[in-house]
Each structure stands twice: as C-alpha cells, then as structure tokens.
C-alpha atoms as a PDB file:
ATOM      1  CA  MET A   1      -9.976 -52.710 -26.572  1.00  0.00           C
ATOM      2  CA  ARG A   2     -12.260 -50.993 -24.171  1.00  0.00           C
ATOM      3  CA  ARG A   3     -16.459 -51.237 -24.584  1.00  0.00           C
ATOM      4  CA  ALA A   4     -18.041 -50.103 -27.670  1.00  0.00           C
ATOM      5  CA  LYS A   5     -20.886 -48.042 -28.528  1.00  0.00           C
ATOM      6  CA  SER A   6     -23.138 -47.769 -30.950  1.00  0.00           C
ATOM      7  CA  ASP A   7     -22.791 -44.887 -33.993  1.00  0.00           C
ATOM      8  CA  ILE A   8     -25.168 -43.621 -36.342  1.00  0.00           C
ATOM      9  CA  GLY A   9     -25.308 -45.626 -39.939  1.00  0.00           C
ATOM     10  CA  GLY A  10     -24.583 -49.219 -39.555  1.00  0.00           C
ATOM     11  CA  THR A  11     -21.299 -48.848 -37.336  1.00  0.00           C
ATOM     12  CA  ILE A  12     -19.405 -49.441 -34.112  1.00  0.00           C
ATOM     13  CA  THR A  13     -17.121 -46.568 -32.408  1.00  0.00           C
ATOM     14  CA  PHE A  14     -14.362 -48.637 -30.415  1.00  0.00           C
ATOM     15  CA  PHE A  15     -11.151 -47.774 -28.753  1.00  0.00           C
ATOM     16  CA  LEU A  16      -7.851 -49.247 -29.566  1.00  0.00           C
ATOM     17  CA  ALA A  17      -6.150 -49.591 -26.410  1.00  0.00           C
ATOM     18  CA  PHE A  18      -2.036 -49.046 -26.788  1.00  0.00           C
ATOM     19  CA  GLY A  19      -0.115 -48.279 -23.528  1.00  0.00           C
ATOM     20  CA  ALA A  20      -1.720 -44.512 -21.529  1.00  0.00           C
ATOM     21  CA  HIS A  21      -3.095 -43.604 -25.005  1.00  0.00           C
ATOM     22  CA  ARG A  22      -6.522 -44.680 -26.732  1.00  0.00           C
ATOM     23  CA  GLN A  23      -6.809 -44.555 -30.306  1.00  0.00           C
ATOM     24  CA  MET A  24     -11.011 -44.036 -31.948  1.00  0.00           C
ATOM     25  CA  CYS A  25     -11.735 -46.863 -33.946  1.00  0.00           C
ATOM     26  CA  ARG A  26     -15.213 -47.043 -36.828  1.00  0.00           C
ATOM     27  CA  LEU A  27     -16.203 -50.201 -37.477  1.00  0.00           C
ATOM     28  CA  ALA A  28     -18.901 -49.990 -41.058  1.00  0.00           C
ATOM     29  CA  THR A  29     -20.965 -52.960 -40.974  1.00  0.00           C
ATOM     30  CA  THR A  30     -23.709 -54.061 -43.116  1.00  0.00           C
ATOM     31  CA  PHE A  31     -25.735 -55.329 -40.258  1.00  0.00           C
ATOM     32  CA  ASP A  32     -29.461 -54.570 -39.477  1.00  0.00           C
ATOM     33  CA  THR A  33     -28.875 -53.847 -35.759  1.00  0.00           C
ATOM     34  CA  GLN A  34     -25.894 -52.930 -33.451  1.00  0.00           C
ATOM     35  CA  LYS A  35     -26.555 -55.445 -31.506  1.00  0.00           C
ATOM     36  CA  GLN A  36     -25.796 -57.818 -34.490  1.00  0.00           C
ATOM     37  CA  ALA A  37     -22.722 -55.673 -35.276  1.00  0.00           C
ATOM     38  CA  PHE A  38     -21.281 -55.559 -31.986  1.00  0.00           C
ATOM     39  CA  SER A  39     -21.694 -59.105 -31.715  1.00  0.00           C
ATOM     40  CA  TYR A  40     -19.183 -59.129 -35.031  1.00  0.00           C
ATOM     41  CA  LEU A  41     -16.696 -56.742 -33.726  1.00  0.00           C
ATOM     42  CA  GLN A  42     -16.421 -59.015 -30.701  1.00  0.00           C
ATOM     43  CA  LYS A  43     -16.123 -62.344 -32.701  1.00  0.00           C
ATOM     44  CA  HIS A  44     -13.572 -61.102 -34.915  1.00  0.00           C
ATOM     45  CA  ARG A  45     -11.975 -58.329 -32.282  1.00  0.00           C
ATOM     46  CA  THR A  46      -8.491 -59.852 -32.277  1.00  0.00           C
ATOM     47  CA  GLU A  47      -8.002 -59.672 -36.586  1.00  0.00           C
ATOM     48  CA  PHE A  48      -9.815 -55.676 -36.209  1.00  0.00           C
ATOM     49  CA  GLU A  49      -7.726 -54.441 -33.610  1.00  0.00           C
ATOM     50  CA  ARG A  50      -4.477 -56.068 -35.959  1.00  0.00           C
ATOM     51  CA  ILE A  51      -5.849 -54.561 -38.927  1.00  0.00           C
ATOM     52  CA  ALA A  52      -6.166 -50.572 -36.708  1.00  0.00           C
ATOM     53  CA  ARG A  53      -2.904 -50.913 -35.442  1.00  0.00           C
ATOM     54  CA  ALA A  54      -1.076 -51.750 -38.517  1.00  0.00           C
ATOM     55  CA  ARG A  55      -3.383 -48.322 -40.269  1.00  0.00           C
ATOM     56  CA  LEU A  56      -2.456 -46.430 -37.058  1.00  0.00           C
ATOM     57  CA  ALA A  57       1.138 -47.184 -37.439  1.00  0.00           C
ATOM     58  CA  SER A  58       1.318 -46.226 -41.217  1.00  0.00           C
ATOM     59  CA  GLY A  59      -0.888 -43.082 -40.169  1.00  0.00           C
ATOM     60  CA  ASP A  60      -3.545 -44.145 -42.434  1.00  0.00           C
ATOM     61  CA  LEU A  61      -6.502 -42.619 -40.376  1.00  0.00           C
ATOM     62  CA  GLU A  62      -9.261 -39.951 -41.593  1.00  0.00           C
ATOM     63  CA  ASP A  63      -9.954 -36.878 -39.944  1.00  0.00           C
ATOM     64  CA  GLY A  64      -7.879 -38.777 -36.699  1.00  0.00           C
ATOM     65  CA  ILE A  65     -10.126 -42.533 -37.059  1.00  0.00           C
ATOM     66  CA  VAL A  66      -8.835 -44.980 -37.726  1.00  0.00           C
ATOM     67  CA  VAL A  67     -11.670 -46.422 -40.147  1.00  0.00           C
ATOM     68  CA  LEU A  68     -12.130 -50.067 -40.598  1.00  0.00           C
ATOM     69  CA  SER A  69     -14.915 -52.417 -42.614  1.00  0.00           C
ATOM     70  CA  MET A  70     -16.471 -55.861 -42.385  1.00  0.00           C
ATOM     71  CA  LEU A  71     -13.818 -58.890 -43.238  1.00  0.00           C
END
C-alpha cells in the first residue's frame, strides 16, 4: 500500500498495490480528524487490504474506486 492522502468528508484515500498496477481505495470513517482516521487505517491496514482485494476481484467498485468503511 502506498502512502495515504487526506480526502474531504471523513475519508482517507489510499492506493492498493498489486504488481505494476495501483487501485484507488477510499475508507469512510467517523473520526473527527484526518490524523485519527489515518492512524486507524494504518492499524487495520492488513484487513483493509484483504477486503479491498476481494472487492476488486468481484468487481465491487463505485466509479472505479474500491469503497470501504470502518470495521
């Protein structure tokens, strides 16, 4: 996974790396700050990557983006 960047509206955007390809993923959170949301993403990174890969494999995308929410 590459470094995440902050997005508007309580979300964190990150890229899932697989081979030479990168897939944009967006994680919706309920945290007050982007710092808290990023910390949460890092803590649960492995699980979010697993879920994102499964959704990507099944074609479960919204406008070409894998959309995730808090565990």
